[in-house]
N, C-alpha and C. Protein backbone atom coordinates (compact mmCIF):
# COMPACT_ATOMS: atom_id res chain seq x y z
N MET A 1 98.37 117.51 79.77
CA MET A 1 99.00 117.18 81.04
C MET A 1 97.97 117.03 82.17
N ASN A 2 96.93 117.87 82.12
CA ASN A 2 95.91 117.80 83.17
C ASN A 2 95.14 116.49 83.14
N TRP A 3 94.97 115.92 81.94
CA TRP A 3 94.30 114.62 81.86
C TRP A 3 95.17 113.53 82.47
N VAL A 4 96.46 113.65 82.31
CA VAL A 4 97.38 112.68 82.93
C VAL A 4 97.29 112.79 84.44
N LEU A 5 97.28 114.02 84.95
CA LEU A 5 97.13 114.22 86.40
C LEU A 5 95.82 113.64 86.90
N LEU A 6 94.77 113.81 86.12
CA LEU A 6 93.46 113.28 86.50
C LEU A 6 93.46 111.76 86.55
N ILE A 7 94.10 111.13 85.60
CA ILE A 7 94.18 109.67 85.59
C ILE A 7 95.00 109.18 86.78
N ILE A 8 96.10 109.85 87.07
CA ILE A 8 96.92 109.47 88.23
C ILE A 8 96.13 109.67 89.52
N ALA A 9 95.36 110.76 89.60
CA ALA A 9 94.52 111.00 90.78
C ALA A 9 93.51 109.88 90.96
N GLY A 10 92.93 109.42 89.86
CA GLY A 10 91.99 108.29 89.91
C GLY A 10 92.66 107.02 90.39
N CYS A 11 93.90 106.81 89.97
CA CYS A 11 94.65 105.63 90.43
C CYS A 11 94.91 105.69 91.93
N PHE A 12 95.19 106.88 92.43
CA PHE A 12 95.38 107.02 93.87
C PHE A 12 94.05 106.87 94.62
N GLU A 13 92.93 107.16 93.97
CA GLU A 13 91.63 106.88 94.59
C GLU A 13 91.46 105.38 94.76
N VAL A 14 91.84 104.62 93.75
CA VAL A 14 91.79 103.16 93.84
C VAL A 14 92.70 102.69 94.98
N ALA A 15 93.88 103.29 95.08
CA ALA A 15 94.83 102.91 96.12
C ALA A 15 94.27 103.18 97.52
N PHE A 16 93.61 104.33 97.71
CA PHE A 16 93.10 104.58 99.07
C PHE A 16 91.93 103.68 99.40
N ALA A 17 91.13 103.31 98.40
CA ALA A 17 90.05 102.35 98.66
C ALA A 17 90.62 100.97 98.99
N THR A 18 91.69 100.61 98.31
CA THR A 18 92.36 99.32 98.57
C THR A 18 92.93 99.30 99.98
N CYS A 19 93.55 100.40 100.38
CA CYS A 19 94.09 100.48 101.74
C CYS A 19 93.00 100.32 102.79
N LEU A 20 91.83 100.91 102.53
CA LEU A 20 90.71 100.75 103.47
C LEU A 20 90.30 99.29 103.57
N GLY A 21 90.22 98.62 102.43
CA GLY A 21 89.85 97.21 102.44
C GLY A 21 90.86 96.35 103.18
N LYS A 22 92.14 96.64 102.97
CA LYS A 22 93.19 95.89 103.65
C LYS A 22 93.21 96.20 105.15
N ALA A 23 92.95 97.45 105.52
CA ALA A 23 92.93 97.82 106.94
C ALA A 23 91.80 97.11 107.66
N LYS A 24 90.67 96.94 106.96
CA LYS A 24 89.52 96.27 107.56
C LYS A 24 89.85 94.84 107.96
N GLY A 25 90.71 94.20 107.17
CA GLY A 25 91.07 92.82 107.45
C GLY A 25 92.34 92.65 108.26
N SER A 26 92.90 93.75 108.76
CA SER A 26 94.15 93.70 109.51
C SER A 26 93.93 94.02 110.98
N THR A 27 94.93 93.70 111.77
CA THR A 27 94.89 94.03 113.20
C THR A 27 96.24 94.58 113.62
N GLY A 28 96.25 95.21 114.78
CA GLY A 28 97.49 95.68 115.36
C GLY A 28 98.19 96.74 114.53
N LEU A 29 99.51 96.70 114.55
CA LEU A 29 100.33 97.69 113.87
C LEU A 29 100.11 97.68 112.36
N ASN A 30 99.89 96.51 111.81
CA ASN A 30 99.66 96.39 110.38
C ASN A 30 98.44 97.22 109.94
N MET A 31 97.40 97.23 110.75
CA MET A 31 96.21 98.00 110.45
C MET A 31 96.54 99.49 110.36
N TYR A 32 97.39 99.99 111.25
CA TYR A 32 97.74 101.40 111.23
C TYR A 32 98.57 101.77 110.00
N PHE A 33 99.38 100.84 109.51
CA PHE A 33 100.12 101.10 108.28
C PHE A 33 99.16 101.25 107.09
N TRP A 34 98.14 100.41 107.05
CA TRP A 34 97.15 100.53 105.98
C TRP A 34 96.39 101.84 106.08
N TYR A 35 96.04 102.26 107.29
CA TYR A 35 95.36 103.55 107.45
C TYR A 35 96.28 104.71 107.08
N ALA A 36 97.55 104.60 107.39
CA ALA A 36 98.51 105.64 106.98
C ALA A 36 98.58 105.70 105.45
N GLY A 37 98.61 104.54 104.80
CA GLY A 37 98.59 104.49 103.34
C GLY A 37 97.33 105.12 102.78
N PHE A 38 96.21 104.88 103.45
CA PHE A 38 94.95 105.49 103.05
C PHE A 38 95.06 107.02 103.04
N PHE A 39 95.55 107.59 104.13
CA PHE A 39 95.64 109.06 104.23
C PHE A 39 96.63 109.64 103.23
N VAL A 40 97.73 108.96 103.00
CA VAL A 40 98.71 109.44 102.01
C VAL A 40 98.10 109.41 100.61
N CYS A 41 97.47 108.29 100.25
CA CYS A 41 96.86 108.17 98.92
C CYS A 41 95.70 109.14 98.75
N LEU A 42 94.92 109.34 99.79
CA LEU A 42 93.81 110.29 99.75
C LEU A 42 94.33 111.70 99.49
N THR A 43 95.37 112.08 100.19
CA THR A 43 95.93 113.42 100.03
C THR A 43 96.47 113.62 98.61
N ILE A 44 97.24 112.66 98.12
CA ILE A 44 97.79 112.77 96.77
C ILE A 44 96.66 112.84 95.74
N SER A 45 95.65 112.01 95.90
CA SER A 45 94.53 111.99 94.97
C SER A 45 93.82 113.34 94.93
N MET A 46 93.56 113.91 96.08
CA MET A 46 92.86 115.20 96.15
C MET A 46 93.70 116.34 95.56
N VAL A 47 94.98 116.36 95.87
CA VAL A 47 95.85 117.41 95.34
C VAL A 47 95.90 117.34 93.82
N LEU A 48 96.05 116.14 93.28
CA LEU A 48 96.10 115.99 91.83
C LEU A 48 94.75 116.33 91.18
N LEU A 49 93.66 115.98 91.84
CA LEU A 49 92.33 116.34 91.33
C LEU A 49 92.18 117.85 91.26
N VAL A 50 92.61 118.55 92.31
CA VAL A 50 92.52 120.01 92.32
C VAL A 50 93.36 120.61 91.19
N LYS A 51 94.57 120.09 90.99
CA LYS A 51 95.43 120.59 89.91
C LYS A 51 94.80 120.34 88.54
N ALA A 52 94.20 119.17 88.36
CA ALA A 52 93.59 118.84 87.06
C ALA A 52 92.41 119.75 86.76
N THR A 53 91.66 120.16 87.78
CA THR A 53 90.47 120.98 87.55
C THR A 53 90.80 122.42 87.19
N ARG A 54 92.07 122.76 87.14
CA ARG A 54 92.44 124.10 86.66
C ARG A 54 92.13 124.24 85.18
N GLU A 55 92.21 123.15 84.44
CA GLU A 55 91.97 123.18 83.00
C GLU A 55 90.77 122.32 82.57
N VAL A 56 90.57 121.20 83.24
CA VAL A 56 89.46 120.30 82.89
C VAL A 56 88.23 120.78 83.65
N PRO A 57 87.07 120.89 82.99
CA PRO A 57 85.85 121.32 83.69
C PRO A 57 85.58 120.42 84.90
N ILE A 58 85.12 121.02 85.99
CA ILE A 58 84.95 120.29 87.26
C ILE A 58 83.98 119.13 87.11
N GLY A 59 82.89 119.30 86.39
CA GLY A 59 81.94 118.21 86.22
C GLY A 59 82.54 117.01 85.51
N THR A 60 83.29 117.29 84.47
CA THR A 60 83.96 116.22 83.73
C THR A 60 85.06 115.59 84.57
N ALA A 61 85.87 116.43 85.20
CA ALA A 61 86.99 115.91 86.00
C ALA A 61 86.48 115.03 87.14
N TYR A 62 85.45 115.47 87.83
CA TYR A 62 84.94 114.69 88.96
C TYR A 62 84.34 113.36 88.47
N ALA A 63 83.62 113.42 87.36
CA ALA A 63 83.02 112.19 86.83
C ALA A 63 84.10 111.20 86.40
N VAL A 64 85.14 111.68 85.75
CA VAL A 64 86.23 110.81 85.31
C VAL A 64 86.98 110.26 86.52
N TRP A 65 87.26 111.12 87.49
CA TRP A 65 87.98 110.71 88.70
C TRP A 65 87.22 109.62 89.46
N THR A 66 85.94 109.85 89.68
CA THR A 66 85.15 108.84 90.40
C THR A 66 84.96 107.59 89.55
N GLY A 67 84.87 107.75 88.23
CA GLY A 67 84.74 106.59 87.36
C GLY A 67 85.97 105.70 87.40
N ILE A 68 87.14 106.33 87.34
CA ILE A 68 88.38 105.56 87.44
C ILE A 68 88.44 104.86 88.79
N GLY A 69 88.06 105.57 89.83
CA GLY A 69 88.05 104.97 91.17
C GLY A 69 87.08 103.81 91.27
N ALA A 70 85.91 103.97 90.67
CA ALA A 70 84.91 102.91 90.73
C ALA A 70 85.35 101.68 89.95
N VAL A 71 85.82 101.90 88.74
CA VAL A 71 86.28 100.77 87.91
C VAL A 71 87.45 100.06 88.59
N GLY A 72 88.42 100.86 89.03
CA GLY A 72 89.59 100.27 89.69
C GLY A 72 89.25 99.54 90.96
N SER A 73 88.34 100.11 91.75
CA SER A 73 87.96 99.48 93.01
C SER A 73 87.22 98.16 92.78
N VAL A 74 86.38 98.13 91.76
CA VAL A 74 85.68 96.87 91.44
C VAL A 74 86.70 95.82 91.00
N LEU A 75 87.65 96.21 90.15
CA LEU A 75 88.66 95.26 89.70
C LEU A 75 89.54 94.78 90.86
N VAL A 76 89.91 95.68 91.75
CA VAL A 76 90.68 95.27 92.94
C VAL A 76 89.84 94.32 93.79
N GLY A 77 88.56 94.63 93.94
CA GLY A 77 87.68 93.75 94.70
C GLY A 77 87.62 92.35 94.11
N ILE A 78 87.53 92.29 92.80
CA ILE A 78 87.47 90.98 92.13
C ILE A 78 88.77 90.22 92.27
N PHE A 79 89.89 90.89 91.98
CA PHE A 79 91.18 90.19 91.94
C PHE A 79 91.88 90.06 93.29
N LEU A 80 91.64 91.00 94.19
CA LEU A 80 92.35 90.97 95.47
C LEU A 80 91.49 90.49 96.63
N PHE A 81 90.21 90.85 96.59
CA PHE A 81 89.33 90.52 97.71
C PHE A 81 88.32 89.42 97.39
N ASN A 82 88.50 88.76 96.25
CA ASN A 82 87.67 87.62 95.85
C ASN A 82 86.18 87.93 95.78
N GLU A 83 85.84 89.12 95.31
CA GLU A 83 84.44 89.46 95.10
C GLU A 83 83.98 88.81 93.79
N PRO A 84 82.69 88.56 93.65
CA PRO A 84 82.22 87.86 92.44
C PRO A 84 82.36 88.71 91.18
N ALA A 85 82.67 88.05 90.08
CA ALA A 85 82.78 88.70 88.77
C ALA A 85 81.60 88.23 87.92
N THR A 86 80.41 88.66 88.28
CA THR A 86 79.21 88.23 87.58
C THR A 86 79.09 88.96 86.24
N PHE A 87 78.24 88.43 85.38
CA PHE A 87 78.02 89.06 84.08
C PHE A 87 77.54 90.50 84.25
N SER A 88 76.59 90.72 85.13
CA SER A 88 76.04 92.07 85.29
C SER A 88 77.08 93.05 85.81
N ARG A 89 77.94 92.63 86.72
CA ARG A 89 79.00 93.52 87.22
C ARG A 89 79.95 93.90 86.10
N ILE A 90 80.36 92.92 85.30
CA ILE A 90 81.27 93.19 84.18
C ILE A 90 80.59 94.06 83.13
N PHE A 91 79.32 93.78 82.84
CA PHE A 91 78.57 94.57 81.85
C PHE A 91 78.54 96.04 82.26
N PHE A 92 78.17 96.30 83.50
CA PHE A 92 78.07 97.69 83.94
C PHE A 92 79.45 98.34 84.09
N LEU A 93 80.45 97.57 84.37
CA LEU A 93 81.82 98.07 84.40
C LEU A 93 82.25 98.54 83.01
N VAL A 94 81.92 97.76 82.00
CA VAL A 94 82.24 98.13 80.62
C VAL A 94 81.48 99.40 80.21
N THR A 95 80.21 99.50 80.60
CA THR A 95 79.45 100.71 80.25
C THR A 95 80.01 101.93 80.97
N LEU A 96 80.50 101.75 82.19
CA LEU A 96 81.11 102.85 82.92
C LEU A 96 82.39 103.32 82.23
N ILE A 97 83.20 102.37 81.79
CA ILE A 97 84.43 102.71 81.07
C ILE A 97 84.09 103.47 79.78
N ALA A 98 83.09 103.00 79.06
CA ALA A 98 82.67 103.67 77.83
C ALA A 98 82.21 105.10 78.12
N SER A 99 81.54 105.30 79.23
CA SER A 99 81.09 106.63 79.62
C SER A 99 82.27 107.55 79.94
N ILE A 100 83.26 107.03 80.63
CA ILE A 100 84.45 107.82 80.96
C ILE A 100 85.17 108.24 79.68
N VAL A 101 85.35 107.31 78.77
CA VAL A 101 86.00 107.62 77.49
C VAL A 101 85.17 108.64 76.72
N GLY A 102 83.86 108.48 76.74
CA GLY A 102 82.99 109.42 76.06
C GLY A 102 83.10 110.82 76.62
N LEU A 103 83.19 110.95 77.92
CA LEU A 103 83.36 112.27 78.53
C LEU A 103 84.66 112.92 78.08
N LYS A 104 85.71 112.14 77.95
CA LYS A 104 86.97 112.68 77.49
C LYS A 104 86.84 113.23 76.07
N PHE A 105 86.14 112.49 75.20
CA PHE A 105 86.02 112.91 73.82
C PHE A 105 85.11 114.13 73.63
N VAL A 106 84.12 114.31 74.47
CA VAL A 106 83.24 115.45 74.31
C VAL A 106 83.71 116.68 75.09
N SER A 107 84.75 116.52 75.89
CA SER A 107 85.30 117.65 76.63
C SER A 107 86.11 118.53 75.69
N ASN A 108 86.07 119.81 75.91
CA ASN A 108 86.78 120.75 75.04
C ASN A 108 88.21 121.01 75.45
N THR A 109 88.74 120.26 76.42
CA THR A 109 90.11 120.52 76.87
C THR A 109 91.07 119.49 76.35
């Protein structure tokens, strides 16, 4: 169950990064809605991360959480913000995913 919480926390990390990107490109009231979304997603992500670290070692949990956030944020950048999808970006994204999966398999929880 703690791994599920950790994955959900990582997804909310992607969401708060996405909200920041959208807020940057917004003005007026719309910008404040994106910032509100950022704070909500940030809070949920942190609470779930804390809950997951009750059973998952902190080093592993933090690495997986940030890895999910990094992979998700790069994918959001490519698909939502039209960032380039170069070979090197995709290559290192795949190696990051492999590292996250590897940490899960070598963890004792």
